[in-house]
Amino acid sequence: MTASPAMQPVPFLAASAEEAVALIRARLGPEAIVLNVRRLPANGLARLWQKPMIEVLASLPETEPEAEPESTALSETLAEFRQQLEEIKFQVENRPAPETPAAEPLPLKPGQWRIGAILQKSGLLPLQAQKVLDRLHAQYGESPPASLAEEITRTQDVLATFWRNPSPIAHNSLHVLVGPAGCGKTTYLCKWLTQAALVESRQARVWRLDGATANMAESLSVYCDILGAPHERAWQPNDELLAEDIGFIDLPGVDWRNPTAVQELGAQLQQFSSAHVHLVLNGAYDISILLAQLRGFASLPIEDLVITHLDEESCWGKIWNLVLGTNYSVRHFSAGQNIPGDLCEASAEMIFARQFPKK
């Protein structure tokens, strides 16, 4: 069968998964492939009553489907697409109801620290904002400084004491990336692989392994070929004796709301007894979703966190909820789809730059 010319991705805007599927099938037919899904939040005050739209990029395959592997790949892609849509649906349904009559904090009493309201507006939950206030009161007293700039400076000093630095990356170390579907694991792995190979001159090896579902991240294998990094599709018992400077294991996304799926992932991780396990989270999600995902993966031997999609999030202050509310450190911040680029070591100072831009 002759190959058809490659078709440019077609964007579809929809309010639900059902509507997106109907639009794709009507325009491109049942053989269409879903390339990307992202949430488009409502702007301004409209976000209080409008549900966020989703944008789906779809395209026809380069060749007409003629064999079973093609349909299997499509089924796996659609399954991941449905899971991502479920994440969006969960976030929409669990969005806190808007407060009435207004979202502005109540007037402060004379002599009261102003930073508590500022912290909440910058993304901290009330419980975590109160934890910071308690530390400020214990360290500096109940009365705040006269200058708001000084109050913010003292708050930054206190927040910095809560920050935990991740352990250094050792030579011949193996790293496993886990997380929900749509968190950006594979893109992040490619960025880290590039930094390790080109910037740090480390020899790297990659394993793209299947889990309960097939690992469909073909782009990872392609990128390994570009960098000249060996990549495997199967794990052998002696692979843990890593000859390279660094090794990466990519696993399919797991539904964090399914205890059985998380348990199966935990059993698979036991193969990699000396590996460092990193949980990758989509930083553009609401903090309630991120904390729920942390609870869902809590049974796994997670060493630290990676926050991705930060180019889609302006409220970086909410990251403090992950620091103050857990015992995990944060290793990397990642933004955008460009490889390489937009990957950096996480730090309190980076959050401060976004949280208090005009101190």
Protein backbone atom coordinates (compact mmCIF):
# COMPACT_ATOMS: atom_id res chain seq x y z
CA MET A 1 0.00 0.00 0.00
CA THR A 2 1.38 3.41 -0.95
CA ALA A 3 2.07 5.97 1.72
CA SER A 4 -0.03 9.11 1.88
CA PRO A 5 1.62 12.52 2.35
CA ALA A 6 2.12 13.62 5.96
CA MET A 7 -0.66 15.86 7.18
CA GLN A 8 -0.07 18.94 9.31
CA PRO A 9 -1.52 18.69 12.85
CA VAL A 10 -5.04 20.10 13.09
CA PRO A 11 -6.10 21.88 16.32
CA PHE A 12 -9.54 21.21 17.81
CA LEU A 13 -11.16 23.24 20.60
CA ALA A 14 -13.73 21.44 22.72
CA ALA A 15 -15.42 21.66 26.09
CA SER A 16 -15.31 17.91 26.84
CA ALA A 17 -13.64 14.68 25.82
CA GLU A 18 -16.75 13.49 24.00
CA GLU A 19 -16.94 16.68 21.96
CA ALA A 20 -13.23 16.47 21.08
CA VAL A 21 -13.52 12.87 19.89
CA ALA A 22 -16.60 13.73 17.80
CA LEU A 23 -14.85 16.69 16.15
CA ILE A 24 -11.72 14.66 15.38
CA ARG A 25 -13.66 11.78 13.86
CA ALA A 26 -15.86 14.09 11.81
CA ARG A 27 -12.87 16.00 10.41
CA LEU A 28 -10.14 13.35 10.12
CA GLY A 29 -11.90 10.02 10.47
CA PRO A 30 -11.46 7.14 12.96
CA GLU A 31 -7.80 6.57 12.02
CA ALA A 32 -6.72 9.99 13.37
CA ILE A 33 -3.86 10.12 15.87
CA VAL A 34 -3.96 12.40 18.92
CA LEU A 35 -0.66 14.31 19.20
CA ASN A 36 -1.18 16.61 22.18
CA VAL A 37 -3.80 17.72 24.71
CA ARG A 38 -3.69 20.87 26.82
CA ARG A 39 -6.14 22.79 28.96
CA LEU A 40 -7.06 26.37 28.02
CA PRO A 41 -8.26 28.14 31.17
CA ALA A 42 -10.83 30.90 30.94
CA ASN A 43 -9.39 34.41 31.18
CA GLY A 44 -10.19 37.05 33.78
CA LEU A 45 -13.34 36.80 35.85
CA ALA A 46 -14.83 34.37 33.35
CA ARG A 47 -12.81 31.58 34.96
CA LEU A 48 -15.17 31.70 37.97
CA TRP A 49 -18.10 30.32 36.01
CA GLN A 50 -16.77 29.00 32.70
CA LYS A 51 -15.26 25.55 32.45
CA PRO A 52 -11.81 25.52 30.81
CA MET A 53 -11.67 24.44 27.18
CA ILE A 54 -9.25 21.82 25.93
CA GLU A 55 -7.12 22.05 22.80
CA VAL A 56 -6.38 18.77 21.03
CA LEU A 57 -3.85 18.43 18.21
CA ALA A 58 -4.66 15.54 15.90
CA SER A 59 -3.37 14.31 12.57
CA LEU A 60 -3.73 11.47 10.12
CA PRO A 61 -0.94 8.86 10.22
CA GLU A 62 1.76 9.12 7.56
CA THR A 63 0.80 5.70 6.21
CA GLU A 64 -2.63 4.13 5.98
CA PRO A 65 -3.29 1.61 8.76
CA GLU A 66 -2.89 -1.87 7.37
CA ALA A 67 -1.54 -4.02 10.21
CA GLU A 68 -2.36 -4.80 13.81
CA PRO A 69 0.60 -2.83 15.33
CA GLU A 70 -0.82 0.40 13.83
CA SER A 71 -4.22 -0.06 15.51
CA THR A 72 -2.56 -1.10 18.74
CA ALA A 73 -0.49 2.10 18.78
CA LEU A 74 -3.63 4.15 18.13
CA SER A 75 -5.46 2.40 20.98
CA GLU A 76 -2.61 3.12 23.38
CA THR A 77 -2.48 6.76 22.31
CA LEU A 78 -6.23 7.16 22.73
CA ALA A 79 -6.04 5.50 26.15
CA GLU A 80 -3.45 8.04 27.27
CA PHE A 81 -5.57 10.80 25.73
CA ARG A 82 -8.59 9.68 27.75
CA GLN A 83 -6.53 9.60 30.95
CA GLN A 84 -5.31 13.15 30.35
CA LEU A 85 -8.89 14.26 29.78
CA GLU A 86 -9.88 12.58 33.04
CA GLU A 87 -7.18 14.62 34.80
CA ILE A 88 -8.66 17.79 33.34
CA LYS A 89 -12.20 16.71 34.27
CA PHE A 90 -11.11 15.97 37.84
CA GLN A 91 -9.48 19.39 38.11
CA VAL A 92 -12.59 21.16 36.81
CA GLU A 93 -14.99 19.25 39.04
CA ASN A 94 -12.86 19.85 42.13
CA ARG A 95 -12.23 23.54 41.52
CA PRO A 96 -13.11 25.45 44.72
CA ALA A 97 -16.29 27.48 44.48
CA PRO A 98 -15.67 31.22 44.20
CA GLU A 99 -16.07 33.13 47.40
CA THR A 100 -18.66 35.86 47.62
CA PRO A 101 -18.87 38.76 47.62
CA ALA A 102 -15.18 39.23 46.74
CA ALA A 103 -11.83 37.45 46.77
CA GLU A 104 -10.00 40.31 48.47
CA PRO A 105 -8.71 39.57 52.01
CA LEU A 106 -10.38 41.21 54.97
CA PRO A 107 -8.87 44.49 56.24
CA LEU A 108 -5.92 43.99 58.56
CA LYS A 109 -5.82 45.19 62.12
CA PRO A 110 -3.16 47.74 63.06
CA GLY A 111 0.12 46.06 63.91
CA GLN A 112 -0.78 42.81 62.10
CA TRP A 113 1.64 41.15 59.70
CA ARG A 114 0.45 41.80 56.14
CA ILE A 115 2.39 38.94 54.61
CA GLY A 116 -0.20 36.28 55.50
CA ALA A 117 -2.71 37.64 53.00
CA ILE A 118 0.04 38.20 50.43
CA LEU A 119 1.23 34.60 50.75
CA GLN A 120 -2.28 33.27 50.17
CA LYS A 121 -2.76 35.47 47.12
CA SER A 122 0.57 34.19 45.76
CA GLY A 123 -0.59 30.55 45.97
CA LEU A 124 -0.02 29.26 49.51
CA LEU A 125 -2.86 27.41 51.17
CA PRO A 126 -4.07 28.95 54.47
CA LEU A 127 -2.50 26.17 56.54
CA GLN A 128 0.93 26.67 54.97
CA ALA A 129 0.69 30.47 55.11
CA GLN A 130 -0.05 30.17 58.85
CA LYS A 131 3.00 27.94 59.28
CA VAL A 132 5.16 30.70 57.81
CA LEU A 133 3.47 33.33 59.99
CA ASP A 134 4.09 31.24 63.12
CA ARG A 135 7.78 31.05 62.27
CA LEU A 136 7.89 34.82 61.64
CA HIS A 137 6.22 35.53 64.99
CA ALA A 138 8.62 33.20 66.80
CA GLN A 139 11.67 34.72 65.14
CA TYR A 140 10.77 38.41 64.90
CA GLY A 141 7.86 38.93 67.29
CA GLU A 142 4.17 39.69 66.85
CA SER A 143 4.72 43.22 65.54
CA PRO A 144 5.76 43.48 61.87
CA PRO A 145 8.39 45.92 60.56
CA ALA A 146 7.13 49.28 59.32
CA SER A 147 8.21 48.61 55.74
CA LEU A 148 6.36 46.04 53.63
CA ALA A 149 9.59 45.43 51.70
CA GLU A 150 11.33 44.46 54.94
CA GLU A 151 8.40 42.22 55.83
CA ILE A 152 8.76 40.41 52.52
CA THR A 153 12.53 40.12 53.00
CA ARG A 154 12.07 38.49 56.40
CA THR A 155 9.43 36.18 54.93
CA GLN A 156 11.84 35.07 52.22
CA ASP A 157 14.47 34.33 54.86
CA VAL A 158 11.97 32.18 56.76
CA LEU A 159 10.74 30.38 53.65
CA ALA A 160 14.34 29.62 52.68
CA THR A 161 14.78 27.70 55.92
CA PHE A 162 12.08 25.25 54.79
CA TRP A 163 13.79 24.56 51.45
CA ARG A 164 15.50 21.17 51.14
CA ASN A 165 18.24 20.64 48.56
CA PRO A 166 18.16 17.32 46.69
CA SER A 167 21.11 14.95 46.90
CA PRO A 168 23.86 15.49 44.29
CA ILE A 169 23.82 13.34 41.15
CA ALA A 170 26.51 10.68 41.62
CA HIS A 171 28.44 8.95 38.85
CA ASN A 172 27.13 5.58 37.67
CA SER A 173 23.70 6.44 39.13
CA LEU A 174 20.39 5.18 37.77
CA HIS A 175 17.28 7.37 37.72
CA VAL A 176 13.65 6.28 37.26
CA LEU A 177 10.99 8.80 36.24
CA VAL A 178 7.40 8.13 37.34
CA GLY A 179 4.24 10.18 37.27
CA PRO A 180 0.72 10.50 35.86
CA ALA A 181 -0.04 10.69 32.17
CA GLY A 182 0.42 14.17 30.73
CA CYS A 183 2.97 15.31 33.31
CA GLY A 184 5.75 15.80 30.71
CA LYS A 185 8.02 12.94 31.84
CA THR A 186 9.48 12.13 28.45
CA THR A 187 10.13 15.75 27.50
CA TYR A 188 11.81 16.30 30.86
CA LEU A 189 13.92 13.17 30.41
CA CYS A 190 15.10 14.40 27.00
CA LYS A 191 16.06 17.76 28.53
CA TRP A 192 17.94 16.13 31.40
CA LEU A 193 19.62 13.71 29.00
CA THR A 194 20.79 16.62 26.85
CA GLN A 195 22.16 18.49 29.84
CA ALA A 196 23.96 15.40 31.13
CA ALA A 197 25.44 14.46 27.75
CA LEU A 198 26.30 17.85 26.25
CA VAL A 199 26.82 20.17 29.22
CA GLU A 200 28.21 17.76 31.82
CA SER A 201 29.90 15.40 29.30
CA ARG A 202 28.40 12.33 30.98
CA GLN A 203 27.99 9.05 29.15
CA ALA A 204 24.32 8.13 29.37
CA ARG A 205 22.10 5.13 28.69
CA VAL A 206 18.30 5.09 28.48
CA TRP A 207 15.70 2.37 29.02
CA ARG A 208 12.22 2.95 27.56
CA LEU A 209 10.28 0.25 29.37
CA ASP A 210 6.68 -0.89 29.26
CA GLY A 211 4.54 -1.06 32.37
CA ALA A 212 0.94 -2.13 32.70
CA THR A 213 0.54 -0.31 29.37
CA ALA A 214 2.97 0.01 26.48
CA ASN A 215 5.46 2.89 26.49
CA MET A 216 4.62 4.71 23.26
CA ALA A 217 7.27 7.47 23.59
CA GLU A 218 8.98 6.78 20.27
CA SER A 219 10.37 10.31 20.28
CA LEU A 220 12.62 9.34 23.19
CA SER A 221 14.35 6.64 21.13
CA VAL A 222 14.74 9.06 18.24
CA TYR A 223 16.32 11.66 20.49
CA CYS A 224 18.71 9.08 21.95
CA ASP A 225 19.85 8.30 18.40
CA ILE A 226 20.49 12.00 17.80
CA LEU A 227 22.66 12.22 20.92
CA GLY A 228 24.32 8.88 20.30
CA ALA A 229 23.09 7.54 23.66
CA PRO A 230 22.39 3.78 23.84
CA HIS A 231 18.74 2.99 24.52
CA GLU A 232 17.05 -0.27 25.40
CA ARG A 233 13.49 -1.60 25.31
CA ALA A 234 14.05 -4.39 27.83
CA TRP A 235 15.62 -4.59 31.28
CA GLN A 236 18.16 -7.31 32.09
CA PRO A 237 19.08 -8.28 35.68
CA ASN A 238 22.70 -7.17 35.21
CA ASP A 239 21.74 -3.75 33.80
CA GLU A 240 21.83 -2.22 37.25
CA LEU A 241 25.64 -2.51 37.16
CA LEU A 242 25.73 0.67 35.11
CA ALA A 243 28.91 1.18 33.06
CA GLU A 244 27.88 4.69 31.97
CA ASP A 245 28.03 7.83 34.12
CA ILE A 246 24.24 8.09 34.33
CA GLY A 247 21.22 6.01 33.35
CA PHE A 248 17.57 6.95 32.83
CA ILE A 249 14.48 4.70 32.95
CA ASP A 250 11.26 5.99 31.41
CA LEU A 251 8.00 4.28 32.40
CA PRO A 252 4.44 4.91 31.15
CA GLY A 253 2.22 7.28 33.09
CA VAL A 254 0.10 5.71 35.83
CA ASP A 255 -3.38 6.65 37.04
CA TRP A 256 -2.71 7.90 40.57
CA ARG A 257 -6.38 7.34 41.53
CA ASN A 258 -6.04 3.60 40.87
CA PRO A 259 -4.38 1.93 43.91
CA THR A 260 -3.88 -1.30 41.96
CA ALA A 261 -2.02 0.51 39.18
CA VAL A 262 0.21 2.30 41.70
CA GLN A 263 0.86 -0.99 43.51
CA GLU A 264 1.88 -2.64 40.21
CA LEU A 265 4.24 0.26 39.54
CA GLY A 266 5.75 -0.21 43.00
CA ALA A 267 6.35 -3.89 42.27
CA GLN A 268 8.08 -2.97 39.01
CA LEU A 269 10.31 -0.45 40.79
CA GLN A 270 11.65 -3.26 42.98
CA GLN A 271 13.69 -4.42 39.97
CA PHE A 272 15.75 -1.24 40.24
CA SER A 273 16.90 -1.55 43.85
CA SER A 274 19.69 1.05 43.62
CA ALA A 275 17.83 3.53 41.42
CA HIS A 276 16.73 7.03 42.42
CA VAL A 277 12.99 7.52 41.85
CA HIS A 278 11.81 10.99 40.78
CA LEU A 279 8.11 11.93 40.70
CA VAL A 280 7.27 14.28 37.81
CA LEU A 281 4.27 16.59 38.28
CA ASN A 282 2.56 19.04 35.93
CA GLY A 283 2.99 22.43 37.62
CA ALA A 284 0.11 23.95 35.64
CA TYR A 285 -2.41 21.83 37.56
CA ASP A 286 -4.32 23.23 40.52
CA ILE A 287 -2.56 22.66 43.84
CA SER A 288 -5.41 20.41 45.03
CA ILE A 289 -4.67 18.07 42.10
CA LEU A 290 -0.92 18.09 42.78
CA LEU A 291 -1.40 17.26 46.46
CA ALA A 292 -3.87 14.50 45.56
CA GLN A 293 -1.33 13.04 43.12
CA LEU A 294 1.35 13.13 45.82
CA ARG A 295 -0.94 11.18 48.12
CA GLY A 296 -1.69 8.72 45.32
CA PHE A 297 2.01 7.99 44.75
CA ALA A 298 3.01 8.20 48.44
CA SER A 299 3.58 4.44 48.74
CA LEU A 300 6.41 4.55 46.18
CA PRO A 301 10.08 5.11 47.18
CA ILE A 302 10.12 8.66 45.81
CA GLU A 303 13.30 10.62 46.45
CA ASP A 304 12.35 14.06 45.11
CA LEU A 305 10.00 15.98 42.84
CA VAL A 306 10.27 17.52 39.37
CA ILE A 307 7.86 20.33 38.40
CA THR A 308 7.13 20.72 34.68
CA HIS A 309 4.90 22.92 32.47
CA LEU A 310 5.85 26.01 34.48
CA ASP A 311 5.62 28.13 31.34
CA GLU A 312 1.85 27.62 31.65
CA GLU A 313 1.71 28.72 35.30
CA SER A 314 2.18 32.25 36.63
CA CYS A 315 1.46 31.44 40.30
CA TRP A 316 4.77 29.86 41.30
CA GLY A 317 4.08 30.53 44.98
CA LYS A 318 1.91 27.41 45.11
CA ILE A 319 5.09 25.31 44.85
CA TRP A 320 5.70 26.13 48.51
CA ASN A 321 2.73 23.92 49.39
CA LEU A 322 4.72 20.94 48.06
CA VAL A 323 7.73 21.98 50.14
CA LEU A 324 5.94 22.87 53.38
CA GLY A 325 3.42 20.04 53.21
CA THR A 326 5.78 17.12 52.38
CA ASN A 327 9.24 15.81 53.17
CA TYR A 328 10.31 15.85 49.52
CA SER A 329 12.91 18.10 47.96
CA VAL A 330 12.41 19.59 44.48
CA ARG A 331 15.16 18.77 41.98
CA HIS A 332 14.28 20.52 38.72
CA PHE A 333 11.98 23.13 37.25
CA SER A 334 11.06 22.55 33.60
CA ALA A 335 9.14 24.74 31.16
CA GLY A 336 8.10 24.44 27.54
CA GLN A 337 8.41 21.69 24.94
CA ASN A 338 11.72 22.83 23.44
CA ILE A 339 14.59 20.37 23.73
CA PRO A 340 17.09 21.37 24.92
CA GLY A 341 16.18 24.36 27.04
CA ASP A 342 14.12 25.62 29.97
CA LEU A 343 15.47 23.14 32.50
CA CYS A 344 17.14 24.34 35.68
CA GLU A 345 17.93 23.23 39.20
CA ALA A 346 15.06 24.21 41.48
CA SER A 347 15.72 26.81 44.14
CA ALA A 348 13.86 29.03 46.58
CA GLU A 349 15.33 32.09 44.84
CA MET A 350 13.67 31.15 41.54
CA ILE A 351 10.29 30.98 43.24
CA PHE A 352 10.89 34.31 45.00
CA ALA A 353 11.60 35.99 41.65
CA ARG A 354 8.11 35.01 40.44
CA GLN A 355 6.31 35.22 43.77
CA PHE A 356 7.51 38.71 44.74
CA PRO A 357 8.44 40.35 41.41
CA LYS A 358 8.18 43.89 42.80
CA LYS A 359 9.47 43.65 46.33
